[in-house]
Amino acid sequence: VISTYWDDNLQVVFVANGEYQPVFRNIVRFHDLHQRVAVCDFSEDLEHLSYGAADFVLMPSRFEPCGLPQMIAPIYGALTVANDTGGLHNTVEHLNVETSSGNGFIFQHYDANGLFWGISEAMRFHRLPADVRAAEIDRIMHESADRFTHQVTAKEYIKLYEKMLDRPLVV
């Protein structure tokens, strides 16, 4: 990914802990990618700074029952590249600039090629004229701020409970 988009000055920042963090650090060190790739320990402050600075957030999860980053990131203007699974399936729709719909980039195949395809879709968007990108990101930020709230979530739960009960929950 880095070499393919080298001329686009692609930079990747990992803000996460976990068993694969040393692997990523070793890859960066081995290929001398320190100018393009950073591997950082997770902190909530750094997480929010990253959302604000990022163009895209990668969520290549095999399994994701809910997920929060894909709901937080677009409020900051960072679009999600995600595998089509679990809560990601319910919260990320593939971006279509022609119809001004969607809020991220969904890939269907959980493998390196699927993730690469999703990143390529994001980079294709990134190469659009700045005014087109800005208009879509502005739309996505506003839609996300309206959609991903406790009030909206509570209303959806009430609808679900009413459907299960086959009657109104609140009279």
Protein backbone atom coordinates (compact mmCIF):
# COMPACT_ATOMS: atom_id res chain seq x y z
CA VAL A 1 0.00 0.00 0.00
CA ILE A 2 2.75 2.44 0.94
CA SER A 3 4.73 1.83 -2.26
CA THR A 4 1.63 1.98 -4.48
CA TYR A 5 0.63 5.37 -3.08
CA TRP A 6 4.13 6.70 -2.38
CA ASP A 7 3.75 9.58 -4.84
CA ASP A 8 0.49 10.57 -3.09
CA ASN A 9 2.52 11.04 0.12
CA LEU A 10 0.39 8.42 1.87
CA GLN A 11 1.07 8.19 5.58
CA VAL A 12 -0.29 5.52 7.90
CA VAL A 13 -0.64 5.87 11.65
CA PHE A 14 -1.54 2.96 13.90
CA VAL A 15 -3.02 4.07 17.23
CA ALA A 16 -3.57 0.72 18.90
CA ASN A 17 -2.16 -1.75 21.33
CA GLY A 18 -2.25 -5.48 20.88
CA GLU A 19 -0.35 -8.56 19.87
CA TYR A 20 0.38 -7.30 16.34
CA GLN A 21 1.88 -3.97 17.37
CA PRO A 22 5.46 -5.40 17.55
CA VAL A 23 4.96 -6.97 14.10
CA PHE A 24 4.03 -3.60 12.61
CA ARG A 25 6.96 -1.92 14.37
CA ASN A 26 9.32 -4.55 12.91
CA ILE A 27 7.94 -4.04 9.40
CA VAL A 28 8.42 -0.27 9.69
CA ARG A 29 11.97 -0.73 10.98
CA PHE A 30 12.92 -3.39 8.39
CA HIS A 31 11.68 -1.34 5.42
CA ASP A 32 12.77 2.01 6.93
CA LEU A 33 9.28 3.49 6.65
CA HIS A 34 9.59 5.82 9.65
CA GLN A 35 8.80 8.84 7.47
CA ARG A 36 5.52 7.26 6.28
CA VAL A 37 4.32 4.91 9.03
CA ALA A 38 3.95 5.50 12.77
CA VAL A 39 2.95 2.86 15.31
CA CYS A 40 1.68 4.50 18.50
CA ASP A 41 0.40 3.18 21.80
CA PHE A 42 -3.31 3.78 22.26
CA SER A 43 -4.50 6.74 24.29
CA GLU A 44 -7.89 8.39 24.10
CA ASP A 45 -6.33 11.82 23.49
CA LEU A 46 -4.20 10.52 20.61
CA GLU A 47 -7.21 8.64 19.22
CA HIS A 48 -9.22 11.86 18.90
CA LEU A 49 -6.26 13.83 17.52
CA SER A 50 -5.85 11.08 14.93
CA TYR A 51 -9.50 11.26 13.86
CA GLY A 52 -9.10 15.01 13.41
CA ALA A 53 -5.92 14.66 11.34
CA ALA A 54 -6.89 11.60 9.29
CA ASP A 55 -8.49 11.35 5.91
CA PHE A 56 -9.37 7.69 6.44
CA VAL A 57 -9.72 5.17 9.28
CA LEU A 58 -9.05 1.51 8.54
CA MET A 59 -11.29 -1.10 10.16
CA PRO A 60 -10.45 -4.39 8.46
CA SER A 61 -12.10 -6.43 11.22
CA ARG A 62 -13.02 -10.06 10.60
CA PHE A 63 -15.66 -9.77 13.34
CA GLU A 64 -17.05 -6.53 14.76
CA PRO A 65 -20.25 -6.77 16.80
CA CYS A 66 -20.63 -2.99 17.04
CA GLY A 67 -17.56 -0.81 16.67
CA LEU A 68 -17.31 2.84 17.60
CA PRO A 69 -14.48 4.27 15.45
CA GLN A 70 -16.57 4.07 12.27
CA MET A 71 -19.21 6.22 13.99
CA ILE A 72 -16.79 8.70 15.60
CA ALA A 73 -14.34 9.18 12.72
CA PRO A 74 -16.78 10.61 10.14
CA ILE A 75 -17.92 13.27 12.62
CA TYR A 76 -14.30 14.48 12.44
CA GLY A 77 -14.25 14.11 8.64
CA ALA A 78 -12.25 10.86 8.51
CA LEU A 79 -13.96 8.28 6.30
CA THR A 80 -13.93 4.60 7.20
CA VAL A 81 -12.49 1.79 5.09
CA ALA A 82 -14.12 -1.34 6.52
CA ASN A 83 -14.80 -4.98 5.97
CA ASP A 84 -18.50 -5.67 5.47
CA THR A 85 -19.20 -7.39 8.78
CA GLY A 86 -21.29 -6.98 11.94
CA GLY A 87 -21.78 -3.44 13.16
CA LEU A 88 -19.62 -2.11 10.35
CA HIS A 89 -22.18 -3.45 7.87
CA ASN A 90 -24.90 -1.51 9.71
CA THR A 91 -23.06 1.81 9.98
CA VAL A 92 -20.82 2.19 6.90
CA GLU A 93 -22.30 2.49 3.42
CA HIS A 94 -20.06 2.58 0.38
CA LEU A 95 -19.54 6.14 -0.83
CA ASN A 96 -21.02 7.07 -4.19
CA VAL A 97 -20.05 10.60 -5.20
CA GLU A 98 -22.44 10.64 -8.19
CA THR A 99 -25.49 10.12 -5.96
CA SER A 100 -23.99 11.89 -2.93
CA SER A 101 -24.67 8.87 -0.76
CA GLY A 102 -22.71 6.64 1.57
CA ASN A 103 -20.15 7.49 4.21
CA GLY A 104 -17.10 5.27 3.66
CA PHE A 105 -15.60 2.40 1.74
CA ILE A 106 -16.76 -1.19 2.22
CA PHE A 107 -14.88 -4.21 0.97
CA GLN A 108 -16.49 -7.64 0.69
CA HIS A 109 -13.56 -10.06 0.84
CA TYR A 110 -11.73 -10.48 4.12
CA ASP A 111 -8.19 -10.77 2.80
CA ALA A 112 -5.28 -8.56 1.78
CA ASN A 113 -6.78 -8.00 -1.69
CA GLY A 114 -10.10 -6.92 -0.19
CA LEU A 115 -8.42 -4.41 2.11
CA PHE A 116 -6.22 -3.16 -0.73
CA TRP A 117 -9.34 -2.67 -2.88
CA GLY A 118 -10.99 -0.64 -0.08
CA ILE A 119 -7.91 1.53 0.34
CA SER A 120 -7.73 1.99 -3.44
CA GLU A 121 -11.36 3.19 -3.44
CA ALA A 122 -10.49 5.66 -0.68
CA MET A 123 -7.45 6.90 -2.60
CA ARG A 124 -9.55 7.28 -5.76
CA PHE A 125 -11.85 9.53 -3.72
CA HIS A 126 -8.81 11.37 -2.33
CA ARG A 127 -7.69 12.20 -5.89
CA LEU A 128 -10.99 13.92 -6.76
CA PRO A 129 -11.01 17.71 -7.02
CA ALA A 130 -10.76 19.34 -3.60
CA ASP A 131 -14.17 21.02 -3.86
CA VAL A 132 -15.92 17.72 -4.66
CA ARG A 133 -14.17 15.98 -1.75
CA ALA A 134 -14.95 18.83 0.63
CA ALA A 135 -18.65 18.81 -0.25
CA GLU A 136 -18.93 15.05 0.32
CA ILE A 137 -16.98 15.17 3.58
CA ASP A 138 -19.11 18.08 4.81
CA ARG A 139 -22.27 16.08 4.01
CA ILE A 140 -20.91 12.99 5.75
CA MET A 141 -19.85 14.95 8.84
CA HIS A 142 -23.30 16.49 9.24
CA GLU A 143 -25.16 13.24 8.55
CA SER A 144 -22.94 11.37 11.02
CA ALA A 145 -23.38 13.99 13.75
CA ASP A 146 -27.16 13.68 13.31
CA ARG A 147 -27.22 9.88 13.03
CA PHE A 148 -24.74 8.64 15.64
CA THR A 149 -26.30 10.06 18.81
CA HIS A 150 -27.70 8.54 21.99
CA GLN A 151 -31.13 9.95 21.15
CA VAL A 152 -31.25 8.27 17.73
CA THR A 153 -29.96 5.00 19.21
CA ALA A 154 -32.60 5.07 21.97
CA LYS A 155 -35.38 5.61 19.40
CA GLU A 156 -34.11 2.65 17.37
CA TYR A 157 -34.11 0.44 20.49
CA ILE A 158 -37.67 1.50 21.29
CA LYS A 159 -38.75 0.59 17.73
CA LEU A 160 -37.07 -2.79 18.08
CA TYR A 161 -38.70 -3.49 21.46
CA GLU A 162 -42.10 -2.46 20.08
CA LYS A 163 -41.62 -4.78 17.12
CA MET A 164 -40.71 -7.66 19.45
CA LEU A 165 -43.66 -6.94 21.73
CA ASP A 166 -45.96 -6.29 18.76
CA ARG A 167 -47.31 -3.22 20.58
CA PRO A 168 -46.22 0.31 21.53
CA LEU A 169 -43.71 0.39 24.37
CA VAL A 170 -44.66 3.89 25.47
CA VAL A 171 -48.22 5.11 25.28
